[in-house]
């Protein structure tokens, strides 16, 4: 599904990350981007088959730009050396749980959840986890979740968050600041058509987790 030429372009970009080279390879970039966009379109179609929130979402609303924001970075390389997309209702800029794909030679992975939620959203999710701990643990400690993603990931506090005792029964989950699931795809052939079935199976296994986070965001009116 992903052309070898797309992977080759990204490898070359990593070795030649400057504007002159990129401008000379603009046609190759456009071909590679179109190839990745086609993949995102297929994944959106498949995900919308079990997650109605993604019905009607277009690839252009999900794709991240390849141009880096270097204003506050010591690394002044102008381009990312990967393609990525955040697939969720409302597109990549909406602060809602969704699905993610990252295509980079040697570092390809997919994921999902919610990253860096606002203070209010984080509090809502934590409160929801306290009230629905059995539902949470049934999902993230379940056989299917572990098979596809291992454990829930994301940045965590070293201590209990404000308002919760350090010995709270759900302290394991309350320390999280992000709520993510992810799977590396470095051991599979990205150029095979089998990646569609493989990726779709992962996203489908992730759906109950995504739905749980959505419920957490909307359950409390603050």
N, C-alpha and C. Protein backbone atom coordinates (compact mmCIF):
# COMPACT_ATOMS: atom_id res chain seq x y z
N UNK A 1 0.82 -1.21 0.00
CA UNK A 1 0.00 0.00 0.00
C UNK A 1 0.86 1.26 0.00
N UNK A 2 1.90 1.26 0.83
CA UNK A 2 2.87 2.35 0.79
C UNK A 2 3.95 1.98 -0.22
N UNK A 3 4.18 2.84 -1.19
CA UNK A 3 5.17 2.57 -2.22
C UNK A 3 6.57 2.66 -1.65
N UNK A 4 7.46 1.83 -2.18
CA UNK A 4 8.86 1.90 -1.75
C UNK A 4 9.43 3.28 -2.05
N UNK A 5 8.97 3.91 -3.13
CA UNK A 5 9.45 5.25 -3.46
C UNK A 5 9.14 6.26 -2.35
N UNK A 6 8.03 6.07 -1.66
CA UNK A 6 7.67 6.96 -0.55
C UNK A 6 8.66 6.82 0.59
N UNK A 7 9.01 5.57 0.92
CA UNK A 7 9.98 5.33 1.98
C UNK A 7 11.37 5.83 1.57
N UNK A 8 11.70 5.66 0.30
CA UNK A 8 13.00 6.12 -0.19
C UNK A 8 13.08 7.65 -0.11
N UNK A 9 12.00 8.34 -0.44
CA UNK A 9 11.99 9.81 -0.34
C UNK A 9 12.25 10.25 1.10
N UNK A 10 11.59 9.61 2.05
CA UNK A 10 11.76 10.00 3.46
C UNK A 10 13.18 9.72 3.95
N UNK A 11 13.78 8.63 3.49
CA UNK A 11 15.16 8.32 3.86
C UNK A 11 16.12 9.38 3.30
N UNK A 12 15.89 9.76 2.05
CA UNK A 12 16.74 10.78 1.43
C UNK A 12 16.55 12.13 2.11
N UNK A 13 15.31 12.44 2.49
CA UNK A 13 15.04 13.70 3.17
C UNK A 13 15.79 13.78 4.49
N UNK A 14 15.89 12.66 5.19
CA UNK A 14 16.59 12.66 6.47
C UNK A 14 18.08 12.98 6.29
N UNK A 15 18.63 12.59 5.14
CA UNK A 15 20.04 12.86 4.86
C UNK A 15 20.26 14.23 4.21
N UNK A 16 19.19 14.81 3.66
CA UNK A 16 19.31 16.07 2.91
C UNK A 16 18.23 17.05 3.36
N UNK A 17 18.21 17.33 4.65
CA UNK A 17 17.11 18.14 5.21
C UNK A 17 17.41 19.63 5.05
N UNK A 18 17.31 20.10 3.81
CA UNK A 18 17.49 21.54 3.55
C UNK A 18 16.57 21.94 2.41
N UNK A 19 16.31 23.22 2.31
CA UNK A 19 15.30 23.72 1.38
C UNK A 19 15.69 23.54 -0.08
N UNK A 20 16.95 23.72 -0.39
CA UNK A 20 17.36 23.59 -1.79
C UNK A 20 17.11 22.17 -2.30
N UNK A 21 17.54 21.18 -1.50
CA UNK A 21 17.31 19.79 -1.90
C UNK A 21 15.82 19.50 -2.00
N UNK A 22 15.05 19.94 -1.01
CA UNK A 22 13.61 19.67 -1.00
C UNK A 22 12.93 20.28 -2.23
N UNK A 23 13.29 21.49 -2.57
CA UNK A 23 12.68 22.14 -3.74
C UNK A 23 13.02 21.40 -5.03
N UNK A 24 14.22 20.85 -5.10
CA UNK A 24 14.60 20.08 -6.29
C UNK A 24 13.85 18.75 -6.37
N UNK A 25 13.37 18.27 -5.23
CA UNK A 25 12.66 16.99 -5.17
C UNK A 25 11.16 17.17 -4.97
N UNK A 26 10.64 18.33 -5.32
CA UNK A 26 9.24 18.65 -5.02
C UNK A 26 8.27 17.66 -5.64
N UNK A 27 8.56 17.20 -6.85
CA UNK A 27 7.66 16.23 -7.49
C UNK A 27 7.65 14.90 -6.72
N UNK A 28 8.82 14.47 -6.26
CA UNK A 28 8.89 13.23 -5.47
C UNK A 28 8.13 13.40 -4.16
N UNK A 29 8.23 14.58 -3.56
CA UNK A 29 7.49 14.86 -2.32
C UNK A 29 5.98 14.77 -2.57
N UNK A 30 5.52 15.37 -3.65
CA UNK A 30 4.09 15.35 -3.95
C UNK A 30 3.59 13.92 -4.17
N UNK A 31 4.40 13.11 -4.86
CA UNK A 31 4.01 11.71 -5.08
C UNK A 31 3.95 10.94 -3.76
N UNK A 32 4.94 11.18 -2.90
CA UNK A 32 4.97 10.49 -1.60
C UNK A 32 3.80 10.92 -0.73
N UNK A 33 3.51 12.22 -0.72
CA UNK A 33 2.40 12.72 0.08
C UNK A 33 1.08 12.15 -0.43
N UNK A 34 0.92 12.07 -1.74
CA UNK A 34 -0.31 11.51 -2.32
C UNK A 34 -0.47 10.05 -1.92
N UNK A 35 0.63 9.32 -1.89
CA UNK A 35 0.60 7.91 -1.49
C UNK A 35 0.16 7.77 -0.03
N UNK A 36 0.73 8.60 0.84
CA UNK A 36 0.34 8.56 2.25
C UNK A 36 -1.11 9.01 2.43
N UNK A 37 -1.53 10.00 1.67
CA UNK A 37 -2.91 10.49 1.75
C UNK A 37 -3.89 9.39 1.37
N UNK A 38 -3.55 8.60 0.36
CA UNK A 38 -4.41 7.47 -0.04
C UNK A 38 -4.55 6.47 1.11
N UNK A 39 -3.45 6.22 1.81
CA UNK A 39 -3.50 5.31 2.96
C UNK A 39 -4.44 5.86 4.03
N UNK A 40 -4.32 7.14 4.33
CA UNK A 40 -5.18 7.76 5.35
C UNK A 40 -6.64 7.69 4.93
N UNK A 41 -6.92 7.91 3.64
CA UNK A 41 -8.30 7.85 3.13
C UNK A 41 -8.90 6.46 3.36
N UNK A 42 -8.12 5.43 3.08
CA UNK A 42 -8.61 4.06 3.27
C UNK A 42 -8.83 3.77 4.74
N UNK A 43 -7.91 4.20 5.59
CA UNK A 43 -8.06 3.97 7.02
C UNK A 43 -9.28 4.71 7.58
N UNK A 44 -9.50 5.94 7.13
CA UNK A 44 -10.68 6.68 7.56
C UNK A 44 -11.96 5.94 7.18
N UNK A 45 -11.98 5.43 5.96
CA UNK A 45 -13.15 4.67 5.50
C UNK A 45 -13.38 3.45 6.39
N UNK A 46 -12.31 2.73 6.69
CA UNK A 46 -12.44 1.50 7.49
C UNK A 46 -12.83 1.81 8.93
N UNK A 47 -12.21 2.82 9.50
CA UNK A 47 -12.52 3.17 10.89
C UNK A 47 -13.97 3.65 11.01
N UNK A 48 -14.44 4.40 10.03
CA UNK A 48 -15.81 4.91 10.09
C UNK A 48 -16.84 3.78 10.04
N UNK A 49 -16.39 2.57 9.66
CA UNK A 49 -17.28 1.42 9.66
C UNK A 49 -17.66 0.97 11.06
N UNK A 50 -16.82 1.28 12.05
CA UNK A 50 -17.16 0.93 13.43
C UNK A 50 -17.18 2.14 14.36
N UNK A 51 -16.72 3.30 13.88
CA UNK A 51 -16.73 4.53 14.67
C UNK A 51 -17.38 5.63 13.85
N UNK A 52 -18.65 5.88 14.11
CA UNK A 52 -19.42 6.82 13.29
C UNK A 52 -18.92 8.26 13.40
N UNK A 53 -18.13 8.57 14.41
CA UNK A 53 -17.60 9.92 14.56
C UNK A 53 -16.69 10.30 13.40
N UNK A 54 -16.17 9.31 12.71
CA UNK A 54 -15.24 9.60 11.62
C UNK A 54 -15.91 9.61 10.25
N UNK A 55 -17.21 9.38 10.21
CA UNK A 55 -17.92 9.43 8.94
C UNK A 55 -17.84 10.85 8.37
N UNK A 56 -17.39 10.95 7.14
CA UNK A 56 -17.31 12.24 6.47
C UNK A 56 -16.01 13.00 6.69
N UNK A 57 -15.14 12.53 7.58
CA UNK A 57 -13.86 13.19 7.82
C UNK A 57 -12.96 12.97 6.60
N UNK A 58 -12.32 14.03 6.13
CA UNK A 58 -11.49 13.95 4.94
C UNK A 58 -10.00 13.91 5.31
N UNK A 59 -9.19 13.23 4.50
CA UNK A 59 -7.75 13.16 4.78
C UNK A 59 -7.09 14.52 4.98
N UNK A 60 -7.49 15.50 4.19
CA UNK A 60 -6.87 16.83 4.29
C UNK A 60 -7.06 17.45 5.67
N UNK A 61 -8.10 17.03 6.38
CA UNK A 61 -8.35 17.56 7.72
C UNK A 61 -7.53 16.85 8.79
N UNK A 62 -6.84 15.79 8.39
CA UNK A 62 -6.11 14.95 9.35
C UNK A 62 -4.59 15.04 9.21
N UNK A 63 -4.12 15.40 8.02
CA UNK A 63 -2.68 15.38 7.74
C UNK A 63 -1.94 16.50 8.44
N UNK A 64 -0.79 16.17 9.02
CA UNK A 64 0.09 17.19 9.58
C UNK A 64 1.05 17.67 8.50
N UNK A 65 1.38 18.95 8.54
CA UNK A 65 2.32 19.52 7.58
C UNK A 65 3.71 18.94 7.78
N UNK A 66 4.45 18.85 6.71
CA UNK A 66 5.82 18.34 6.78
C UNK A 66 6.78 19.42 7.24
N UNK A 67 6.35 20.67 7.21
CA UNK A 67 7.21 21.79 7.58
C UNK A 67 7.28 21.93 9.10
N UNK A 68 8.48 22.00 9.64
CA UNK A 68 8.68 22.12 11.08
C UNK A 68 8.58 23.57 11.53
N UNK A 69 8.09 23.78 12.73
CA UNK A 69 8.11 25.09 13.37
C UNK A 69 9.42 25.16 14.16
N UNK A 70 10.37 25.92 13.64
CA UNK A 70 11.71 25.96 14.23
C UNK A 70 11.95 27.21 15.08
N UNK A 71 10.92 27.98 15.32
CA UNK A 71 11.10 29.26 16.02
C UNK A 71 11.72 29.09 17.39
N UNK A 72 11.33 28.06 18.11
CA UNK A 72 11.80 27.88 19.48
C UNK A 72 12.63 26.60 19.64
N UNK A 73 13.18 26.13 18.54
CA UNK A 73 13.94 24.88 18.56
C UNK A 73 15.40 25.12 18.20
N UNK A 74 16.30 24.42 18.88
CA UNK A 74 17.71 24.49 18.53
C UNK A 74 17.97 23.78 17.21
N UNK A 75 17.15 22.80 16.90
CA UNK A 75 17.25 22.08 15.63
C UNK A 75 16.53 22.89 14.56
N UNK A 76 17.26 23.44 13.63
CA UNK A 76 16.67 24.30 12.60
C UNK A 76 16.38 23.54 11.30
N UNK A 77 16.39 22.22 11.35
CA UNK A 77 16.03 21.44 10.15
C UNK A 77 14.62 21.83 9.73
N UNK A 78 14.42 22.22 8.48
CA UNK A 78 13.13 22.78 8.08
C UNK A 78 11.99 21.76 7.90
N UNK A 79 12.33 20.47 7.79
CA UNK A 79 11.29 19.49 7.45
C UNK A 79 11.27 18.32 8.44
N UNK A 80 10.07 17.82 8.69
CA UNK A 80 9.94 16.55 9.38
C UNK A 80 10.38 15.45 8.42
N UNK A 81 10.84 14.36 8.96
CA UNK A 81 11.29 13.25 8.11
C UNK A 81 10.30 12.09 8.17
N UNK A 82 9.06 12.44 8.35
CA UNK A 82 7.97 11.45 8.41
C UNK A 82 6.68 12.09 7.92
N UNK A 83 5.69 11.26 7.65
CA UNK A 83 4.33 11.69 7.40
C UNK A 83 3.48 11.23 8.59
N UNK A 84 2.50 12.03 8.95
CA UNK A 84 1.64 11.65 10.08
C UNK A 84 0.26 12.25 9.91
N UNK A 85 -0.69 11.65 10.61
CA UNK A 85 -2.08 12.12 10.54
C UNK A 85 -2.80 11.77 11.83
N UNK A 86 -3.68 12.66 12.24
CA UNK A 86 -4.53 12.45 13.41
C UNK A 86 -5.96 12.36 12.92
N UNK A 87 -6.56 11.19 13.06
CA UNK A 87 -7.88 10.91 12.48
C UNK A 87 -8.94 10.93 13.57
N UNK A 88 -9.75 11.96 13.57
CA UNK A 88 -10.80 12.08 14.57
C UNK A 88 -11.88 13.01 14.05
N UNK A 89 -13.06 12.93 14.67
CA UNK A 89 -14.14 13.80 14.28
C UNK A 89 -13.76 15.25 14.44
N UNK A 90 -13.89 16.03 13.37
CA UNK A 90 -13.50 17.44 13.42
C UNK A 90 -12.10 17.69 12.93
N UNK A 91 -11.33 16.62 12.65
CA UNK A 91 -9.98 16.80 12.13
C UNK A 91 -8.93 16.88 13.22
N UNK A 92 -7.68 17.07 12.80
CA UNK A 92 -6.53 16.95 13.69
C UNK A 92 -6.47 18.01 14.78
N UNK A 93 -7.11 19.16 14.58
CA UNK A 93 -6.97 20.25 15.54
C UNK A 93 -8.00 20.22 16.66
N UNK A 94 -8.94 19.29 16.61
CA UNK A 94 -9.94 19.19 17.66
C UNK A 94 -9.37 18.44 18.88
N UNK A 95 -9.70 18.94 20.07
CA UNK A 95 -9.21 18.31 21.30
C UNK A 95 -10.15 17.19 21.72
N UNK A 96 -10.16 16.14 20.93
CA UNK A 96 -10.96 14.97 21.23
C UNK A 96 -10.12 13.72 21.04
N UNK A 97 -10.48 12.62 21.68
CA UNK A 97 -9.75 11.37 21.44
C UNK A 97 -9.85 10.95 19.98
N UNK A 98 -8.79 10.36 19.47
CA UNK A 98 -8.79 9.93 18.08
C UNK A 98 -7.67 8.95 17.80
N UNK A 99 -7.45 8.71 16.51
CA UNK A 99 -6.51 7.70 16.04
C UNK A 99 -5.34 8.40 15.32
N UNK A 100 -4.16 7.81 15.42
CA UNK A 100 -2.95 8.44 14.89
C UNK A 100 -2.16 7.44 14.05
N UNK A 101 -1.50 7.95 13.00
CA UNK A 101 -0.60 7.13 12.20
C UNK A 101 0.67 7.92 11.92
N UNK A 102 1.81 7.27 12.07
CA UNK A 102 3.12 7.89 11.90
C UNK A 102 3.93 7.00 10.97
N UNK A 103 4.27 7.52 9.78
CA UNK A 103 5.03 6.76 8.79
C UNK A 103 6.44 7.32 8.70
N UNK A 104 7.41 6.53 9.11
CA UNK A 104 8.81 6.94 9.08
C UNK A 104 9.67 5.68 8.97
N UNK A 105 10.56 5.60 8.00
CA UNK A 105 11.41 4.41 7.89
C UNK A 105 12.13 4.11 9.20
N UNK A 106 11.91 2.91 9.72
CA UNK A 106 12.53 2.51 10.97
C UNK A 106 11.81 2.96 12.22
N UNK A 107 10.74 3.74 12.05
CA UNK A 107 10.00 4.23 13.23
C UNK A 107 8.53 4.46 12.88
N UNK A 108 7.92 3.45 12.28
CA UNK A 108 6.51 3.54 11.91
C UNK A 108 5.65 2.96 13.03
N UNK A 109 4.62 3.69 13.40
CA UNK A 109 3.73 3.20 14.45
C UNK A 109 2.36 3.83 14.30
N UNK A 110 1.40 3.24 14.96
CA UNK A 110 0.07 3.82 15.04
C UNK A 110 -0.32 3.94 16.50
N UNK A 111 -1.28 4.77 16.76
CA UNK A 111 -1.69 4.98 18.14
C UNK A 111 -3.04 5.65 18.21
N UNK A 112 -3.37 6.08 19.41
CA UNK A 112 -4.64 6.76 19.60
C UNK A 112 -4.85 7.09 21.06
N UNK A 113 -5.89 7.87 21.31
CA UNK A 113 -6.20 8.32 22.65
C UNK A 113 -6.30 9.83 22.68
N UNK A 114 -5.84 10.43 23.78
CA UNK A 114 -5.83 11.88 23.88
C UNK A 114 -4.51 12.31 24.51
N UNK A 115 -3.87 13.30 23.87
CA UNK A 115 -2.54 13.76 24.27
C UNK A 115 -2.64 15.19 24.79
N UNK A 116 -2.10 15.43 25.96
CA UNK A 116 -2.09 16.76 26.58
C UNK A 116 -3.48 17.40 26.64
N UNK A 117 -4.46 16.74 27.25
CA UNK A 117 -5.79 17.37 27.37
C UNK A 117 -5.72 18.61 28.25
N UNK A 118 -6.68 19.49 28.08
CA UNK A 118 -6.74 20.69 28.90
C UNK A 118 -6.94 20.31 30.37
N UNK A 119 -6.72 21.26 31.25
CA UNK A 119 -6.86 21.00 32.70
C UNK A 119 -8.26 20.51 33.01
N UNK A 120 -9.27 21.13 32.42
CA UNK A 120 -10.65 20.73 32.67
C UNK A 120 -10.93 19.34 32.13
N UNK A 121 -10.45 19.08 30.90
CA UNK A 121 -10.67 17.76 30.30
C UNK A 121 -9.97 16.67 31.09
N UNK A 122 -8.75 16.96 31.55
CA UNK A 122 -8.00 15.99 32.35
C UNK A 122 -8.74 15.66 33.64
N UNK A 123 -9.28 16.68 34.29
CA UNK A 123 -10.02 16.45 35.53
C UNK A 123 -11.27 15.62 35.27
N UNK A 124 -11.95 15.89 34.17
CA UNK A 124 -13.15 15.12 33.83
C UNK A 124 -12.82 13.65 33.61
N UNK A 125 -11.73 13.40 32.89
CA UNK A 125 -11.34 12.02 32.62
C UNK A 125 -10.97 11.31 33.91
N UNK A 126 -10.22 11.97 34.76
CA UNK A 126 -9.83 11.35 36.03
C UNK A 126 -11.06 11.04 36.89
N UNK A 127 -11.97 11.98 36.99
CA UNK A 127 -13.18 11.74 37.78
C UNK A 127 -13.99 10.59 37.20
N UNK A 128 -14.04 10.53 35.88
CA UNK A 128 -14.77 9.46 35.22
C UNK A 128 -14.12 8.11 35.51
N UNK A 129 -12.79 8.07 35.50
CA UNK A 129 -12.09 6.83 35.79
C UNK A 129 -12.38 6.35 37.21
N UNK A 130 -12.48 7.29 38.15
CA UNK A 130 -12.80 6.92 39.52
C UNK A 130 -14.18 6.27 39.60
N UNK A 131 -15.14 6.87 38.90
CA UNK A 131 -16.52 6.38 38.94
C UNK A 131 -16.74 5.16 38.07
N UNK A 132 -15.83 4.91 37.12
CA UNK A 132 -16.01 3.80 36.18
C UNK A 132 -14.73 2.97 36.10
N UNK A 133 -14.13 2.71 37.24
CA UNK A 133 -12.85 2.01 37.26
C UNK A 133 -12.95 0.58 36.72
N UNK A 134 -14.06 -0.08 36.98
CA UNK A 134 -14.22 -1.45 36.48
C UNK A 134 -14.26 -1.47 34.96
N UNK A 135 -14.97 -0.50 34.38
CA UNK A 135 -15.05 -0.41 32.92
C UNK A 135 -13.68 -0.11 32.33
N UNK A 136 -12.96 0.83 32.95
CA UNK A 136 -11.61 1.17 32.50
C UNK A 136 -10.70 -0.05 32.52
N UNK A 137 -10.67 -0.75 33.64
CA UNK A 137 -9.74 -1.87 33.79
C UNK A 137 -10.14 -3.05 32.91
N UNK A 138 -11.43 -3.21 32.66
CA UNK A 138 -11.87 -4.27 31.75
C UNK A 138 -11.29 -4.05 30.36
N UNK A 139 -11.15 -2.77 29.98
CA UNK A 139 -10.61 -2.46 28.65
C UNK A 139 -9.10 -2.53 28.64
N UNK A 140 -8.43 -1.71 29.48
CA UNK A 140 -6.97 -1.57 29.37
C UNK A 140 -6.20 -2.75 29.95
N UNK A 141 -6.86 -3.58 30.76
CA UNK A 141 -6.22 -4.79 31.27
C UNK A 141 -6.74 -6.04 30.56
N UNK A 142 -7.59 -5.81 29.57
CA UNK A 142 -8.18 -6.93 28.84
C UNK A 142 -7.21 -7.57 27.86
N UNK A 143 -7.53 -8.79 27.47
CA UNK A 143 -6.66 -9.57 26.59
C UNK A 143 -6.44 -8.88 25.25
N UNK A 144 -7.50 -8.33 24.66
CA UNK A 144 -7.38 -7.72 23.32
C UNK A 144 -6.50 -6.48 23.37
N UNK A 145 -6.71 -5.62 24.37
CA UNK A 145 -5.91 -4.40 24.47
C UNK A 145 -4.44 -4.76 24.65
N UNK A 146 -4.16 -5.71 25.53
CA UNK A 146 -2.78 -6.11 25.78
C UNK A 146 -2.15 -6.73 24.55
N UNK A 147 -2.93 -7.50 23.80
CA UNK A 147 -2.40 -8.14 22.59
C UNK A 147 -1.97 -7.10 21.57
N UNK A 148 -2.77 -6.06 21.40
CA UNK A 148 -2.48 -5.06 20.37
C UNK A 148 -1.55 -3.96 20.84
N UNK A 149 -1.64 -3.58 22.12
CA UNK A 149 -0.95 -2.37 22.57
C UNK A 149 -0.09 -2.52 23.82
N UNK A 150 -0.17 -3.66 24.46
CA UNK A 150 0.56 -3.80 25.72
C UNK A 150 -0.17 -3.08 26.83
N UNK A 151 0.39 -1.97 27.30
CA UNK A 151 -0.23 -1.19 28.36
C UNK A 151 -0.61 0.20 27.86
N UNK A 152 -1.52 0.84 28.58
CA UNK A 152 -1.81 2.24 28.32
C UNK A 152 -0.54 3.04 28.55
N UNK A 153 -0.28 4.01 27.69
CA UNK A 153 0.93 4.81 27.80
C UNK A 153 0.58 6.28 27.93
N UNK A 154 1.62 7.09 28.09
CA UNK A 154 1.43 8.52 28.25
C UNK A 154 2.23 9.05 29.43
N UNK A 155 2.46 10.36 29.42
CA UNK A 155 3.20 11.00 30.52
C UNK A 155 2.44 10.83 31.83
N UNK A 156 3.21 10.61 32.91
CA UNK A 156 2.60 10.41 34.22
C UNK A 156 3.25 11.30 35.27
N UNK A 157 2.46 11.64 36.28
CA UNK A 157 2.98 12.32 37.45
C UNK A 157 3.73 11.31 38.32
N UNK A 158 4.72 11.77 39.05
CA UNK A 158 5.42 10.89 39.98
C UNK A 158 4.67 10.76 41.31
N UNK A 159 3.79 11.72 41.57
CA UNK A 159 3.01 11.72 42.80
C UNK A 159 1.53 11.77 42.44
N UNK A 160 0.70 11.71 43.44
CA UNK A 160 -0.75 11.78 43.20
C UNK A 160 -1.13 13.17 42.71
N UNK A 161 -2.06 13.27 41.78
CA UNK A 161 -2.52 14.60 41.35
C UNK A 161 -3.26 15.31 42.48
N UNK A 162 -3.28 16.62 42.38
CA UNK A 162 -3.94 17.43 43.39
C UNK A 162 -5.40 17.01 43.56
N UNK A 163 -5.80 16.83 44.82
CA UNK A 163 -7.18 16.47 45.10
C UNK A 163 -7.40 14.99 45.33
N UNK A 164 -6.34 14.18 45.13
CA UNK A 164 -6.47 12.73 45.31
C UNK A 164 -5.40 12.25 46.30
N UNK A 165 -5.75 11.38 47.23
CA UNK A 165 -4.74 10.84 48.15
C UNK A 165 -3.79 9.90 47.42
N UNK A 166 -2.56 9.80 47.92
CA UNK A 166 -1.55 8.97 47.26
C UNK A 166 -1.89 7.48 47.31
N UNK A 167 -2.78 7.11 48.24
CA UNK A 167 -3.18 5.71 48.34
C UNK A 167 -4.57 5.46 47.75
N UNK A 168 -5.00 6.35 46.86
CA UNK A 168 -6.31 6.19 46.22
C UNK A 168 -6.35 4.85 45.48
N UNK A 169 -7.47 4.12 45.52
CA UNK A 169 -7.56 2.81 44.85
C UNK A 169 -7.24 2.85 43.36
N UNK A 170 -7.49 3.99 42.71
CA UNK A 170 -7.22 4.12 41.27
C UNK A 170 -6.00 4.99 40.97
N UNK A 171 -5.09 5.12 41.96
CA UNK A 171 -3.95 6.01 41.77
C UNK A 171 -3.11 5.61 40.56
N UNK A 172 -3.12 4.32 40.23
CA UNK A 172 -2.37 3.84 39.06
C UNK A 172 -2.79 4.58 37.80
N UNK A 173 -4.07 4.87 37.67
CA UNK A 173 -4.60 5.53 36.48
C UNK A 173 -4.65 7.05 36.64
N UNK A 174 -4.78 7.51 37.86
CA UNK A 174 -4.95 8.95 38.09
C UNK A 174 -3.66 9.73 37.86
N UNK A 175 -2.53 9.05 37.88
CA UNK A 175 -1.27 9.77 37.65
C UNK A 175 -1.04 10.11 36.18
N UNK A 176 -1.80 9.50 35.30
CA UNK A 176 -1.61 9.77 33.87
C UNK A 176 -2.02 11.20 33.52
N UNK A 177 -1.22 11.84 32.64
CA UNK A 177 -1.54 13.17 32.09
C UNK A 177 -1.95 13.05 30.62
N UNK A 178 -1.54 11.98 29.97
CA UNK A 178 -1.98 11.61 28.62
C UNK A 178 -2.58 10.21 28.73
N UNK A 179 -3.46 9.89 27.79
CA UNK A 179 -4.09 8.56 27.81
C UNK A 179 -3.98 7.99 26.40
N UNK A 180 -2.98 7.11 26.21
CA UNK A 180 -2.61 6.69 24.86
C UNK A 180 -2.49 5.17 24.75
N UNK A 181 -2.71 4.69 23.54
CA UNK A 181 -2.45 3.30 23.17
C UNK A 181 -1.66 3.34 21.88
N UNK A 182 -0.68 2.45 21.74
CA UNK A 182 0.13 2.50 20.53
C UNK A 182 0.75 1.17 20.20
N UNK A 183 1.16 1.02 18.94
CA UNK A 183 1.77 -0.22 18.47
C UNK A 183 2.81 0.08 17.41
N UNK A 184 4.02 -0.45 17.59
CA UNK A 184 5.07 -0.30 16.59
C UNK A 184 4.77 -1.18 15.37
N UNK A 185 5.13 -0.67 14.20
CA UNK A 185 4.93 -1.42 12.96
C UNK A 185 6.24 -1.62 12.21
N UNK A 186 7.33 -1.64 12.95
CA UNK A 186 8.65 -1.74 12.32
C UNK A 186 8.97 -3.16 11.85
N UNK A 187 8.24 -4.15 12.35
CA UNK A 187 8.55 -5.54 12.00
C UNK A 187 7.69 -6.08 10.86
N UNK A 188 6.82 -5.24 10.31
CA UNK A 188 5.99 -5.69 9.19
C UNK A 188 6.37 -4.95 7.92
N UNK A 189 6.04 -5.52 6.80
CA UNK A 189 6.34 -4.92 5.50
C UNK A 189 5.32 -3.83 5.20
N UNK A 190 5.73 -2.58 5.32
CA UNK A 190 4.82 -1.45 5.13
C UNK A 190 4.35 -1.35 3.68
N UNK A 191 5.09 -1.95 2.75
CA UNK A 191 4.71 -1.87 1.34
C UNK A 191 3.69 -2.94 0.96
N UNK A 192 3.34 -3.80 1.91
CA UNK A 192 2.37 -4.86 1.63
C UNK A 192 0.94 -4.34 1.80
N UNK A 193 0.04 -4.89 0.99
CA UNK A 193 -1.37 -4.53 1.13
C UNK A 193 -1.96 -5.05 2.44
N UNK A 194 -1.26 -5.96 3.08
CA UNK A 194 -1.74 -6.52 4.35
C UNK A 194 -1.77 -5.48 5.47
N UNK A 195 -1.08 -4.36 5.28
CA UNK A 195 -1.07 -3.35 6.35
C UNK A 195 -2.46 -2.78 6.57
N UNK A 196 -3.31 -2.76 5.55
CA UNK A 196 -4.65 -2.22 5.71
C UNK A 196 -5.43 -3.05 6.72
N UNK A 197 -5.41 -4.35 6.55
CA UNK A 197 -6.10 -5.24 7.47
C UNK A 197 -5.46 -5.17 8.86
N UNK A 198 -4.14 -5.12 8.88
CA UNK A 198 -3.41 -5.08 10.15
C UNK A 198 -3.71 -3.81 10.92
N UNK A 199 -3.62 -2.66 10.27
CA UNK A 199 -3.86 -1.38 10.94
C UNK A 199 -5.32 -1.26 11.37
N UNK A 200 -6.22 -1.69 10.50
CA UNK A 200 -7.64 -1.59 10.82
C UNK A 200 -7.98 -2.43 12.05
N UNK A 201 -7.38 -3.61 12.16
CA UNK A 201 -7.61 -4.46 13.33
C UNK A 201 -7.15 -3.76 14.60
N UNK A 202 -6.01 -3.07 14.54
CA UNK A 202 -5.52 -2.34 15.71
C UNK A 202 -6.49 -1.22 16.10
N UNK A 203 -6.92 -0.46 15.12
CA UNK A 203 -7.83 0.65 15.42
C UNK A 203 -9.17 0.15 15.96
N UNK A 204 -9.62 -0.97 15.44
CA UNK A 204 -10.88 -1.53 15.94
C UNK A 204 -10.71 -2.00 17.39
N UNK A 205 -9.56 -2.58 17.71
CA UNK A 205 -9.29 -2.98 19.09
C UNK A 205 -9.17 -1.77 20.00
N UNK A 206 -8.79 -0.64 19.44
CA UNK A 206 -8.64 0.60 20.20
C UNK A 206 -9.96 1.32 20.45
N UNK A 207 -10.95 1.03 19.65
CA UNK A 207 -12.21 1.78 19.69
C UNK A 207 -12.85 1.85 21.08
N UNK A 208 -12.96 0.73 21.84
CA UNK A 208 -13.56 0.85 23.18
C UNK A 208 -12.81 1.82 24.09
N UNK A 209 -11.48 1.88 23.94
CA UNK A 209 -10.65 2.81 24.70
C UNK A 209 -10.96 4.25 24.30
N UNK A 210 -11.08 4.49 23.00
CA UNK A 210 -11.42 5.82 22.50
C UNK A 210 -12.80 6.24 23.01
N UNK A 211 -13.74 5.33 22.95
CA UNK A 211 -15.10 5.63 23.39
C UNK A 211 -15.14 5.92 24.89
N UNK A 212 -14.34 5.21 25.66
CA UNK A 212 -14.26 5.45 27.10
C UNK A 212 -13.77 6.86 27.38
N UNK A 213 -12.74 7.30 26.66
CA UNK A 213 -12.21 8.64 26.85
C UNK A 213 -13.23 9.70 26.44
N UNK A 214 -13.93 9.44 25.37
CA UNK A 214 -14.99 10.38 24.95
C UNK A 214 -16.04 10.52 26.05
N UNK A 215 -16.43 9.39 26.61
CA UNK A 215 -17.43 9.43 27.69
C UNK A 215 -16.91 10.22 28.88
N UNK A 216 -15.61 10.07 29.16
CA UNK A 216 -15.01 10.79 30.26
C UNK A 216 -15.03 12.29 30.05
N UNK A 217 -14.85 12.71 28.81
CA UNK A 217 -14.84 14.15 28.50
C UNK A 217 -16.22 14.77 28.61
N UNK A 218 -17.25 14.00 28.32
CA UNK A 218 -18.60 14.57 28.23
C UNK A 218 -19.50 14.22 29.41
N UNK A 219 -19.01 13.39 30.33
CA UNK A 219 -19.88 12.89 31.40
C UNK A 219 -20.19 13.95 32.45
N UNK A 220 -19.23 14.85 32.67
CA UNK A 220 -19.39 15.86 33.73
C UNK A 220 -19.53 17.23 33.11
N UNK A 221 -20.42 18.00 33.64
CA UNK A 221 -20.58 19.39 33.22
C UNK A 221 -19.93 20.28 34.26
N UNK A 222 -18.84 20.92 33.86
CA UNK A 222 -18.08 21.75 34.79
C UNK A 222 -18.09 23.19 34.32
